[in-house]
């Protein structure tokens, strides 16, 4: 399992780094009102990524302030800590 994980990281390192850079380019500084739409864009980016990696119940949750992103994955099994 460890070798598979290391192989995955090595194989996907460049793509993962580019995806992270794309996320960081979204000007979603929550303290600046002019970036309210950007915070929604950043939340949607995160929803898309979490969905792509297989998390469940992924959703943007509106708040009186900035949106929150929720996701879960409850398939670890009954013997998991």
N, C-alpha and C. Protein backbone atom coordinates (compact mmCIF):
# COMPACT_ATOMS: atom_id res chain seq x y z
N UNK A 1 0.82 -1.19 0.00
CA UNK A 1 0.00 0.00 0.00
C UNK A 1 0.86 1.26 0.00
N UNK A 2 1.92 1.24 0.81
CA UNK A 2 2.82 2.40 0.89
C UNK A 2 3.46 2.67 -0.47
N UNK A 3 3.91 1.63 -1.14
CA UNK A 3 4.53 1.80 -2.46
C UNK A 3 3.55 2.37 -3.47
N UNK A 4 2.30 1.92 -3.39
CA UNK A 4 1.27 2.46 -4.29
C UNK A 4 1.06 3.95 -4.05
N UNK A 5 1.02 4.34 -2.79
CA UNK A 5 0.83 5.74 -2.44
C UNK A 5 2.00 6.59 -2.94
N UNK A 6 3.22 6.12 -2.72
CA UNK A 6 4.40 6.86 -3.19
C UNK A 6 4.43 6.95 -4.71
N UNK A 7 4.07 5.87 -5.38
CA UNK A 7 4.02 5.87 -6.84
C UNK A 7 2.99 6.88 -7.34
N UNK A 8 1.83 6.92 -6.70
CA UNK A 8 0.79 7.87 -7.09
C UNK A 8 1.29 9.30 -6.95
N UNK A 9 1.91 9.59 -5.82
CA UNK A 9 2.42 10.95 -5.57
C UNK A 9 3.44 11.33 -6.63
N UNK A 10 4.36 10.44 -6.93
CA UNK A 10 5.39 10.73 -7.92
C UNK A 10 4.79 10.91 -9.31
N UNK A 11 3.82 10.09 -9.65
CA UNK A 11 3.20 10.15 -10.97
C UNK A 11 2.36 11.41 -11.16
N UNK A 12 1.70 11.86 -10.11
CA UNK A 12 0.76 12.98 -10.22
C UNK A 12 1.27 14.29 -9.63
N UNK A 13 2.52 14.35 -9.28
CA UNK A 13 3.05 15.53 -8.61
C UNK A 13 2.87 16.80 -9.44
N UNK A 14 3.22 16.78 -10.70
CA UNK A 14 3.15 17.98 -11.54
C UNK A 14 1.70 18.45 -11.69
N UNK A 15 0.78 17.51 -11.96
CA UNK A 15 -0.62 17.88 -12.12
C UNK A 15 -1.20 18.45 -10.82
N UNK A 16 -0.85 17.83 -9.72
CA UNK A 16 -1.35 18.30 -8.43
C UNK A 16 -0.83 19.68 -8.11
N UNK A 17 0.43 19.93 -8.40
CA UNK A 17 1.02 21.24 -8.16
C UNK A 17 0.34 22.30 -9.03
N UNK A 18 0.08 21.99 -10.29
CA UNK A 18 -0.60 22.94 -11.18
C UNK A 18 -2.02 23.23 -10.69
N UNK A 19 -2.71 22.21 -10.21
CA UNK A 19 -4.06 22.42 -9.67
C UNK A 19 -4.01 23.33 -8.45
N UNK A 20 -3.05 23.10 -7.57
CA UNK A 20 -2.90 23.95 -6.39
C UNK A 20 -2.60 25.39 -6.80
N UNK A 21 -1.75 25.59 -7.78
CA UNK A 21 -1.44 26.94 -8.26
C UNK A 21 -2.68 27.62 -8.81
N UNK A 22 -3.53 26.87 -9.53
CA UNK A 22 -4.77 27.43 -10.07
C UNK A 22 -5.68 27.89 -8.93
N UNK A 23 -5.76 27.09 -7.89
CA UNK A 23 -6.57 27.46 -6.73
C UNK A 23 -6.02 28.72 -6.06
N UNK A 24 -4.73 28.78 -5.91
CA UNK A 24 -4.11 29.93 -5.24
C UNK A 24 -4.19 31.21 -6.05
N UNK A 25 -4.41 31.09 -7.36
CA UNK A 25 -4.56 32.28 -8.21
C UNK A 25 -5.93 32.93 -8.06
N UNK A 26 -6.88 32.26 -7.46
CA UNK A 26 -8.20 32.85 -7.26
C UNK A 26 -8.08 33.88 -6.12
N UNK A 27 -8.37 35.14 -6.41
CA UNK A 27 -8.19 36.19 -5.39
C UNK A 27 -9.34 36.18 -4.38
N UNK A 28 -9.32 35.20 -3.52
CA UNK A 28 -10.46 34.98 -2.62
C UNK A 28 -10.19 35.43 -1.19
N UNK A 29 -9.54 36.55 -1.05
CA UNK A 29 -9.27 37.08 0.29
C UNK A 29 -10.60 37.54 0.88
N UNK A 30 -11.04 36.84 1.92
CA UNK A 30 -12.36 37.07 2.47
C UNK A 30 -12.57 38.44 3.09
N UNK A 31 -11.54 39.14 3.43
CA UNK A 31 -11.69 40.43 4.09
C UNK A 31 -12.00 41.55 3.09
N UNK A 32 -11.86 41.28 1.81
CA UNK A 32 -12.08 42.32 0.82
C UNK A 32 -13.41 42.09 0.11
N UNK A 33 -14.39 42.97 0.30
CA UNK A 33 -15.72 42.77 -0.28
C UNK A 33 -15.70 42.65 -1.81
N UNK A 34 -14.75 43.26 -2.45
CA UNK A 34 -14.69 43.17 -3.92
C UNK A 34 -14.35 41.77 -4.41
N UNK A 35 -13.98 40.87 -3.49
CA UNK A 35 -13.66 39.50 -3.88
C UNK A 35 -14.72 38.49 -3.43
N UNK A 36 -15.93 38.97 -3.12
CA UNK A 36 -17.00 38.05 -2.70
C UNK A 36 -17.28 36.99 -3.77
N UNK A 37 -17.36 37.40 -5.03
CA UNK A 37 -17.58 36.43 -6.10
C UNK A 37 -16.42 35.45 -6.21
N UNK A 38 -15.22 35.93 -5.92
CA UNK A 38 -14.04 35.06 -5.98
C UNK A 38 -14.07 34.00 -4.86
N UNK A 39 -14.63 34.35 -3.71
CA UNK A 39 -14.73 33.35 -2.65
C UNK A 39 -15.68 32.23 -3.06
N UNK A 40 -16.73 32.58 -3.78
CA UNK A 40 -17.65 31.56 -4.31
C UNK A 40 -16.94 30.71 -5.35
N UNK A 41 -16.15 31.33 -6.21
CA UNK A 41 -15.38 30.59 -7.21
C UNK A 41 -14.39 29.63 -6.53
N UNK A 42 -13.74 30.08 -5.48
CA UNK A 42 -12.79 29.22 -4.75
C UNK A 42 -13.54 28.05 -4.10
N UNK A 43 -14.70 28.33 -3.54
CA UNK A 43 -15.50 27.25 -2.94
C UNK A 43 -15.91 26.23 -3.99
N UNK A 44 -16.32 26.70 -5.17
CA UNK A 44 -16.71 25.77 -6.23
C UNK A 44 -15.52 24.96 -6.71
N UNK A 45 -14.34 25.57 -6.79
CA UNK A 45 -13.12 24.84 -7.17
C UNK A 45 -12.89 23.70 -6.19
N UNK A 46 -13.04 24.01 -4.91
CA UNK A 46 -12.83 23.00 -3.88
C UNK A 46 -13.88 21.89 -3.96
N UNK A 47 -15.13 22.25 -4.20
CA UNK A 47 -16.19 21.25 -4.38
C UNK A 47 -15.84 20.31 -5.53
N UNK A 48 -15.39 20.88 -6.63
CA UNK A 48 -15.04 20.06 -7.80
C UNK A 48 -13.90 19.08 -7.48
N UNK A 49 -12.89 19.55 -6.78
CA UNK A 49 -11.75 18.70 -6.44
C UNK A 49 -12.15 17.61 -5.44
N UNK A 50 -12.90 17.96 -4.43
CA UNK A 50 -13.32 16.98 -3.43
C UNK A 50 -14.22 15.91 -4.05
N UNK A 51 -15.08 16.33 -4.96
CA UNK A 51 -15.93 15.38 -5.68
C UNK A 51 -15.07 14.46 -6.53
N UNK A 52 -14.08 15.03 -7.21
CA UNK A 52 -13.22 14.23 -8.11
C UNK A 52 -12.43 13.17 -7.35
N UNK A 53 -12.07 13.43 -6.10
CA UNK A 53 -11.30 12.43 -5.35
C UNK A 53 -12.19 11.46 -4.59
N UNK A 54 -13.51 11.61 -4.74
CA UNK A 54 -14.41 10.61 -4.21
C UNK A 54 -15.09 10.90 -2.89
N UNK A 55 -14.97 12.12 -2.39
CA UNK A 55 -15.69 12.42 -1.15
C UNK A 55 -17.18 12.51 -1.44
N UNK A 56 -17.97 12.37 -0.38
CA UNK A 56 -19.43 12.34 -0.51
C UNK A 56 -20.05 13.59 0.09
N UNK A 57 -21.30 13.82 -0.31
CA UNK A 57 -22.09 14.92 0.24
C UNK A 57 -21.36 16.26 0.12
N UNK A 58 -20.66 16.44 -0.97
CA UNK A 58 -19.87 17.66 -1.17
C UNK A 58 -20.83 18.78 -1.53
N UNK A 59 -20.73 19.87 -0.79
CA UNK A 59 -21.65 20.97 -1.06
C UNK A 59 -21.09 22.29 -0.54
N UNK A 60 -21.56 23.35 -1.17
CA UNK A 60 -21.28 24.69 -0.68
C UNK A 60 -22.43 25.05 0.26
N UNK A 61 -22.07 25.49 1.44
CA UNK A 61 -23.08 25.86 2.43
C UNK A 61 -23.03 27.38 2.61
N UNK A 62 -24.10 28.06 2.20
CA UNK A 62 -24.12 29.51 2.37
C UNK A 62 -24.14 29.88 3.85
N UNK A 63 -23.55 30.99 4.16
CA UNK A 63 -23.58 31.54 5.51
C UNK A 63 -23.88 33.03 5.39
N UNK A 64 -24.12 33.72 6.48
CA UNK A 64 -24.29 35.17 6.39
C UNK A 64 -23.03 35.87 5.89
N UNK A 65 -21.90 35.21 6.03
CA UNK A 65 -20.63 35.76 5.54
C UNK A 65 -20.20 35.04 4.28
N UNK A 66 -19.11 34.34 4.38
CA UNK A 66 -18.56 33.62 3.23
C UNK A 66 -19.05 32.18 3.21
N UNK A 67 -19.06 31.59 2.01
CA UNK A 67 -19.54 30.21 1.92
C UNK A 67 -18.57 29.25 2.59
N UNK A 68 -19.13 28.15 3.09
CA UNK A 68 -18.32 27.06 3.63
C UNK A 68 -18.48 25.87 2.71
N UNK A 69 -17.46 25.02 2.68
CA UNK A 69 -17.53 23.79 1.89
C UNK A 69 -17.57 22.62 2.87
N UNK A 70 -18.51 21.72 2.63
CA UNK A 70 -18.65 20.52 3.45
C UNK A 70 -18.50 19.29 2.57
N UNK A 71 -17.84 18.27 3.10
CA UNK A 71 -17.75 16.97 2.44
C UNK A 71 -17.49 15.93 3.51
N UNK A 72 -17.85 14.68 3.20
CA UNK A 72 -17.50 13.62 4.12
C UNK A 72 -17.16 12.35 3.34
N UNK A 73 -16.54 11.44 4.02
CA UNK A 73 -16.23 10.11 3.50
C UNK A 73 -16.28 9.18 4.69
N UNK A 74 -17.34 8.41 4.77
CA UNK A 74 -17.60 7.61 5.96
C UNK A 74 -17.44 6.11 5.69
N UNK A 75 -16.51 5.76 4.82
CA UNK A 75 -16.36 4.38 4.41
C UNK A 75 -15.13 3.69 5.00
N UNK A 76 -14.62 4.17 6.10
CA UNK A 76 -13.42 3.57 6.69
C UNK A 76 -13.72 2.20 7.29
N UNK A 77 -14.97 1.94 7.60
CA UNK A 77 -15.34 0.65 8.15
C UNK A 77 -15.47 0.67 9.65
N UNK A 78 -16.15 -0.35 10.20
CA UNK A 78 -16.43 -0.33 11.64
C UNK A 78 -15.20 -0.55 12.52
N UNK A 79 -14.12 -1.06 11.98
CA UNK A 79 -12.92 -1.29 12.79
C UNK A 79 -11.94 -0.13 12.76
N UNK A 80 -12.28 0.91 12.02
CA UNK A 80 -11.38 2.06 11.92
C UNK A 80 -11.42 2.88 13.20
N UNK A 81 -10.30 3.50 13.55
CA UNK A 81 -10.29 4.34 14.75
C UNK A 81 -11.12 5.59 14.54
